[in-house]
Amino acid sequence: MFKNIFNEWTKAQTEVPEDLEEKLKGDQHELDTDKDGDIDAKDFKNLRTKNKKKKKDKDEGDIEMNPKMDKDKATEQKESRIRTALKSVLSEKSPTAGATKPETMDDKLKGKGAKDMANEPKETDDTVTKGHDDVSKAGKVTKAAGQRNGGDQVRSGDQNVVNSVVKALKGMK
């Protein structure tokens, strides 16, 4: 008796009244592959197998340039303003095409006196180069000074280097 009551109760809980049953909205009917009015596991399984077949049909080397764009529609896209501006900048042959010649310093000078002053030969300061030459000539002509006397000249201690590593290597051969 208790089992019958429980079974009736669970059956009543799982059944949905017709007035509460929702219909498919929007593009949900595309997901309903078995056309039974609801979307369930069978529909999703059918969609997965359908997608796998599409992937197999495509060649591996084929790449879609714009996958979101509809292939059936032969619409021509407008070129963006940024792209047209970049093309116009890059198509110019030189940056100074059509520009006037730049001014020189002579163009800015007015009057004969200013032009004469600008055309005067400029003196260069060559004292540094002359100084180096004089010093080298003097070094060649003069006699070198002798050594000084004092504690600087002391050469005490062992003058021969003793290298025990070299001796050890000679002994090994």
C-alpha atoms as a PDB file:
ATOM      1  CA  MET A   1       0.000   0.000   0.000  1.00  0.00           C
ATOM      2  CA  PHE A   2       2.776   2.417   0.932  1.00  0.00           C
ATOM      3  CA  LYS A   3       4.554   1.651  -2.376  1.00  0.00           C
ATOM      4  CA  ASN A   4       1.459   2.485  -4.421  1.00  0.00           C
ATOM      5  CA  ILE A   5       1.000   5.804  -2.685  1.00  0.00           C
ATOM      6  CA  PHE A   6       4.684   6.649  -3.161  1.00  0.00           C
ATOM      7  CA  ASN A   7       4.610   5.678  -6.882  1.00  0.00           C
ATOM      8  CA  GLU A   8       1.499   7.787  -7.483  1.00  0.00           C
ATOM      9  CA  TRP A   9       3.072  10.705  -5.658  1.00  0.00           C
ATOM     10  CA  THR A  10       6.347  10.529  -7.681  1.00  0.00           C
ATOM     11  CA  LYS A  11       4.391  10.195 -10.926  1.00  0.00           C
ATOM     12  CA  ALA A  12       2.402  13.303 -10.063  1.00  0.00           C
ATOM     13  CA  GLN A  13       5.595  15.188  -9.258  1.00  0.00           C
ATOM     14  CA  THR A  14       7.320  14.341 -12.551  1.00  0.00           C
ATOM     15  CA  GLU A  15       4.371  15.035 -14.854  1.00  0.00           C
ATOM     16  CA  VAL A  16       4.065  18.606 -16.061  1.00  0.00           C
ATOM     17  CA  PRO A  17       0.579  19.952 -16.698  1.00  0.00           C
ATOM     18  CA  GLU A  18      -0.068  21.051 -20.282  1.00  0.00           C
ATOM     19  CA  ASP A  19      -0.760  24.659 -19.360  1.00  0.00           C
ATOM     20  CA  LEU A  20       2.707  24.968 -17.705  1.00  0.00           C
ATOM     21  CA  GLU A  21       4.602  23.345 -20.548  1.00  0.00           C
ATOM     22  CA  GLU A  22       6.725  25.956 -22.363  1.00  0.00           C
ATOM     23  CA  LYS A  23       7.101  26.093 -26.103  1.00  0.00           C
ATOM     24  CA  LEU A  24      10.433  26.631 -27.843  1.00  0.00           C
ATOM     25  CA  LYS A  25      11.338  30.275 -28.298  1.00  0.00           C
ATOM     26  CA  GLY A  26      13.524  32.074 -30.814  1.00  0.00           C
ATOM     27  CA  ASP A  27      16.109  29.861 -32.483  1.00  0.00           C
ATOM     28  CA  GLN A  28      15.603  26.973 -30.046  1.00  0.00           C
ATOM     29  CA  HIS A  29      13.727  25.054 -32.741  1.00  0.00           C
ATOM     30  CA  GLU A  30      17.076  24.740 -34.596  1.00  0.00           C
ATOM     31  CA  LEU A  31      18.502  22.842 -31.612  1.00  0.00           C
ATOM     32  CA  ASP A  32      15.528  20.459 -31.569  1.00  0.00           C
ATOM     33  CA  THR A  33      16.906  18.010 -34.154  1.00  0.00           C
ATOM     34  CA  ASP A  34      14.380  15.217 -33.564  1.00  0.00           C
ATOM     35  CA  LYS A  35      11.418  17.662 -33.793  1.00  0.00           C
ATOM     36  CA  ASP A  36       9.694  16.397 -30.680  1.00  0.00           C
ATOM     37  CA  GLY A  37       9.095  19.846 -29.207  1.00  0.00           C
ATOM     38  CA  ASP A  38      11.757  19.771 -26.488  1.00  0.00           C
ATOM     39  CA  ILE A  39      15.516  19.950 -26.290  1.00  0.00           C
ATOM     40  CA  ASP A  40      17.056  16.903 -24.641  1.00  0.00           C
ATOM     41  CA  ALA A  41      20.204  14.753 -24.673  1.00  0.00           C
ATOM     42  CA  LYS A  42      19.295  13.140 -28.012  1.00  0.00           C
ATOM     43  CA  ASP A  43      19.228  16.563 -29.676  1.00  0.00           C
ATOM     44  CA  PHE A  44      22.676  17.469 -28.364  1.00  0.00           C
ATOM     45  CA  LYS A  45      24.085  14.096 -29.448  1.00  0.00           C
ATOM     46  CA  ASN A  46      22.734  14.643 -32.959  1.00  0.00           C
ATOM     47  CA  LEU A  47      24.265  18.134 -33.065  1.00  0.00           C
ATOM     48  CA  ARG A  48      27.687  16.793 -32.016  1.00  0.00           C
ATOM     49  CA  THR A  49      27.701  14.114 -34.723  1.00  0.00           C
ATOM     50  CA  LYS A  50      26.567  16.699 -37.283  1.00  0.00           C
ATOM     51  CA  ASN A  51      29.484  18.999 -36.351  1.00  0.00           C
ATOM     52  CA  LYS A  52      31.978  16.111 -36.556  1.00  0.00           C
ATOM     53  CA  LYS A  53      30.779  15.302 -40.083  1.00  0.00           C
ATOM     54  CA  LYS A  54      31.267  18.952 -41.115  1.00  0.00           C
ATOM     55  CA  LYS A  55      34.843  18.929 -39.817  1.00  0.00           C
ATOM     56  CA  LYS A  56      35.632  15.728 -41.741  1.00  0.00           C
ATOM     57  CA  ASP A  57      34.213  17.192 -44.950  1.00  0.00           C
ATOM     58  CA  LYS A  58      36.539  20.198 -44.784  1.00  0.00           C
ATOM     59  CA  ASP A  59      40.041  19.804 -46.182  1.00  0.00           C
ATOM     60  CA  GLU A  60      42.846  20.455 -43.712  1.00  0.00           C
ATOM     61  CA  GLY A  61      44.432  23.125 -45.947  1.00  0.00           C
ATOM     62  CA  ASP A  62      41.228  25.144 -46.367  1.00  0.00           C
ATOM     63  CA  ILE A  63      41.026  28.228 -44.212  1.00  0.00           C
ATOM     64  CA  GLU A  64      38.048  30.528 -44.039  1.00  0.00           C
ATOM     65  CA  MET A  65      39.039  34.172 -44.165  1.00  0.00           C
ATOM     66  CA  ASN A  66      35.975  35.403 -42.331  1.00  0.00           C
ATOM     67  CA  PRO A  67      34.001  32.496 -40.850  1.00  0.00           C
ATOM     68  CA  LYS A  68      31.289  34.755 -39.411  1.00  0.00           C
ATOM     69  CA  MET A  69      30.452  36.200 -42.826  1.00  0.00           C
ATOM     70  CA  ASP A  70      27.680  34.366 -44.656  1.00  0.00           C
ATOM     71  CA  LYS A  71      28.968  32.575 -47.757  1.00  0.00           C
ATOM     72  CA  ASP A  72      25.659  32.797 -49.583  1.00  0.00           C
ATOM     73  CA  LYS A  73      25.528  36.563 -49.412  1.00  0.00           C
ATOM     74  CA  ALA A  74      27.672  38.223 -52.042  1.00  0.00           C
ATOM     75  CA  THR A  75      28.028  41.524 -50.268  1.00  0.00           C
ATOM     76  CA  GLU A  76      30.891  43.841 -50.884  1.00  0.00           C
ATOM     77  CA  GLN A  77      32.479  45.287 -47.772  1.00  0.00           C
ATOM     78  CA  LYS A  78      33.425  48.938 -47.658  1.00  0.00           C
ATOM     79  CA  GLU A  79      37.055  49.717 -47.034  1.00  0.00           C
ATOM     80  CA  SER A  80      37.586  51.334 -43.657  1.00  0.00           C
ATOM     81  CA  ARG A  81      38.694  54.957 -43.393  1.00  0.00           C
ATOM     82  CA  ILE A  82      41.872  53.996 -41.557  1.00  0.00           C
ATOM     83  CA  ARG A  83      42.851  51.575 -44.306  1.00  0.00           C
ATOM     84  CA  THR A  84      42.305  54.162 -47.050  1.00  0.00           C
ATOM     85  CA  ALA A  85      44.337  56.742 -45.107  1.00  0.00           C
ATOM     86  CA  LEU A  86      47.206  54.285 -44.628  1.00  0.00           C
ATOM     87  CA  LYS A  87      47.178  53.404 -48.308  1.00  0.00           C
ATOM     88  CA  SER A  88      47.352  57.063 -49.300  1.00  0.00           C
ATOM     89  CA  VAL A  89      50.273  57.700 -46.943  1.00  0.00           C
ATOM     90  CA  LEU A  90      52.204  54.664 -48.133  1.00  0.00           C
ATOM     91  CA  SER A  91      51.586  55.320 -51.815  1.00  0.00           C
ATOM     92  CA  GLU A  92      53.371  58.700 -51.835  1.00  0.00           C
ATOM     93  CA  LYS A  93      56.773  58.497 -53.500  1.00  0.00           C
ATOM     94  CA  SER A  94      58.652  60.915 -51.283  1.00  0.00           C
ATOM     95  CA  PRO A  95      57.705  62.891 -48.183  1.00  0.00           C
ATOM     96  CA  THR A  96      58.697  66.193 -49.819  1.00  0.00           C
ATOM     97  CA  ALA A  97      56.791  65.675 -53.070  1.00  0.00           C
ATOM     98  CA  GLY A  98      55.262  69.018 -54.056  1.00  0.00           C
ATOM     99  CA  ALA A  99      56.995  70.968 -51.284  1.00  0.00           C
ATOM    100  CA  THR A 100      59.006  74.142 -51.917  1.00  0.00           C
ATOM    101  CA  LYS A 101      62.793  74.163 -51.681  1.00  0.00           C
ATOM    102  CA  PRO A 102      64.133  74.781 -48.167  1.00  0.00           C
ATOM    103  CA  GLU A 103      65.755  78.117 -47.352  1.00  0.00           C
ATOM    104  CA  THR A 104      69.521  78.355 -47.042  1.00  0.00           C
ATOM    105  CA  MET A 105      71.482  80.718 -44.788  1.00  0.00           C
ATOM    106  CA  ASP A 106      72.366  82.898 -47.799  1.00  0.00           C
ATOM    107  CA  ASP A 107      68.651  83.487 -48.484  1.00  0.00           C
ATOM    108  CA  LYS A 108      68.220  85.003 -45.031  1.00  0.00           C
ATOM    109  CA  LEU A 109      71.042  87.558 -45.453  1.00  0.00           C
ATOM    110  CA  LYS A 110      69.961  91.011 -46.670  1.00  0.00           C
ATOM    111  CA  GLY A 111      72.294  93.637 -48.016  1.00  0.00           C
ATOM    112  CA  LYS A 112      75.807  93.549 -49.454  1.00  0.00           C
ATOM    113  CA  GLY A 113      77.555  94.044 -46.110  1.00  0.00           C
ATOM    114  CA  ALA A 114      75.900  91.035 -44.505  1.00  0.00           C
ATOM    115  CA  LYS A 115      76.717  88.825 -47.486  1.00  0.00           C
ATOM    116  CA  ASP A 116      80.372  89.991 -47.537  1.00  0.00           C
ATOM    117  CA  MET A 117      80.718  89.310 -43.824  1.00  0.00           C
ATOM    118  CA  ALA A 118      79.315  85.808 -44.280  1.00  0.00           C
ATOM    119  CA  ASN A 119      81.688  85.086 -47.182  1.00  0.00           C
ATOM    120  CA  GLU A 120      84.873  86.036 -45.272  1.00  0.00           C
ATOM    121  CA  PRO A 121      87.295  83.150 -44.858  1.00  0.00           C
ATOM    122  CA  LYS A 122      87.006  81.666 -41.432  1.00  0.00           C
ATOM    123  CA  GLU A 123      90.132  81.363 -39.325  1.00  0.00           C
ATOM    124  CA  THR A 124      90.737  78.026 -37.710  1.00  0.00           C
ATOM    125  CA  ASP A 125      92.535  77.652 -34.391  1.00  0.00           C
ATOM    126  CA  ASP A 126      95.390  75.250 -35.066  1.00  0.00           C
ATOM    127  CA  THR A 127      97.400  75.849 -31.886  1.00  0.00           C
ATOM    128  CA  VAL A 128      96.626  72.385 -30.554  1.00  0.00           C
ATOM    129  CA  THR A 129      97.998  70.592 -33.612  1.00  0.00           C
ATOM    130  CA  LYS A 130     101.045  72.886 -33.692  1.00  0.00           C
ATOM    131  CA  GLY A 131     101.665  72.183 -29.993  1.00  0.00           C
ATOM    132  CA  HIS A 132     101.719  68.416 -30.553  1.00  0.00           C
ATOM    133  CA  ASP A 133     104.132  68.780 -33.438  1.00  0.00           C
ATOM    134  CA  ASP A 134     106.466  70.994 -31.374  1.00  0.00           C
ATOM    135  CA  VAL A 135     106.559  68.523 -28.495  1.00  0.00           C
ATOM    136  CA  SER A 136     107.380  65.556 -30.736  1.00  0.00           C
ATOM    137  CA  LYS A 137     110.177  67.497 -32.461  1.00  0.00           C
ATOM    138  CA  ALA A 138     111.660  68.534 -29.126  1.00  0.00           C
ATOM    139  CA  GLY A 139     111.613  64.926 -27.899  1.00  0.00           C
ATOM    140  CA  LYS A 140     113.604  63.787 -30.899  1.00  0.00           C
ATOM    141  CA  VAL A 141     116.279  66.497 -30.620  1.00  0.00           C
ATOM    142  CA  THR A 142     116.950  66.540 -26.859  1.00  0.00           C
ATOM    143  CA  LYS A 143     118.882  64.032 -24.769  1.00  0.00           C
ATOM    144  CA  ALA A 144     116.989  61.917 -22.220  1.00  0.00           C
ATOM    145  CA  ALA A 145     117.669  62.670 -18.538  1.00  0.00           C
ATOM    146  CA  GLY A 146     119.735  60.175 -16.528  1.00  0.00           C
ATOM    147  CA  GLN A 147     118.436  58.011 -13.701  1.00  0.00           C
ATOM    148  CA  ARG A 148     118.016  59.591 -10.307  1.00  0.00           C
ATOM    149  CA  ASN A 149     119.978  58.459  -7.318  1.00  0.00           C
ATOM    150  CA  GLY A 150     118.054  57.311  -4.315  1.00  0.00           C
ATOM    151  CA  GLY A 151     116.086  54.490  -2.837  1.00  0.00           C
ATOM    152  CA  ASP A 152     114.128  53.982  -6.054  1.00  0.00           C
ATOM    153  CA  GLN A 153     116.964  52.094  -7.671  1.00  0.00           C
ATOM    154  CA  VAL A 154     117.382  49.415  -5.008  1.00  0.00           C
ATOM    155  CA  ARG A 155     117.142  45.971  -6.504  1.00  0.00           C
ATOM    156  CA  SER A 156     117.377  43.710  -3.548  1.00  0.00           C
ATOM    157  CA  GLY A 157     115.955  40.235  -3.261  1.00  0.00           C
ATOM    158  CA  ASP A 158     115.746  37.239  -5.554  1.00  0.00           C
ATOM    159  CA  GLN A 159     115.675  38.257  -9.226  1.00  0.00           C
ATOM    160  CA  ASN A 160     114.923  34.778 -10.603  1.00  0.00           C
ATOM    161  CA  VAL A 161     111.361  33.501 -10.483  1.00  0.00           C
ATOM    162  CA  VAL A 162     111.016  30.036  -9.034  1.00  0.00           C
ATOM    163  CA  ASN A 163     108.099  28.172 -10.498  1.00  0.00           C
ATOM    164  CA  SER A 164     107.492  24.908  -8.691  1.00  0.00           C
ATOM    165  CA  VAL A 165     104.659  23.941 -11.054  1.00  0.00           C
ATOM    166  CA  VAL A 166     106.969  23.981 -14.075  1.00  0.00           C
ATOM    167  CA  LYS A 167     109.523  21.851 -12.218  1.00  0.00           C
ATOM    168  CA  ALA A 168     106.818  19.376 -11.214  1.00  0.00           C
ATOM    169  CA  LEU A 169     105.627  19.049 -14.802  1.00  0.00           C
ATOM    170  CA  LYS A 170     109.175  18.514 -16.093  1.00  0.00           C
ATOM    171  CA  GLY A 171     109.627  15.760 -13.538  1.00  0.00           C
ATOM    172  CA  MET A 172     106.496  13.948 -14.770  1.00  0.00           C
ATOM    173  CA  LYS A 173     107.752  13.548 -18.333  1.00  0.00           C
END
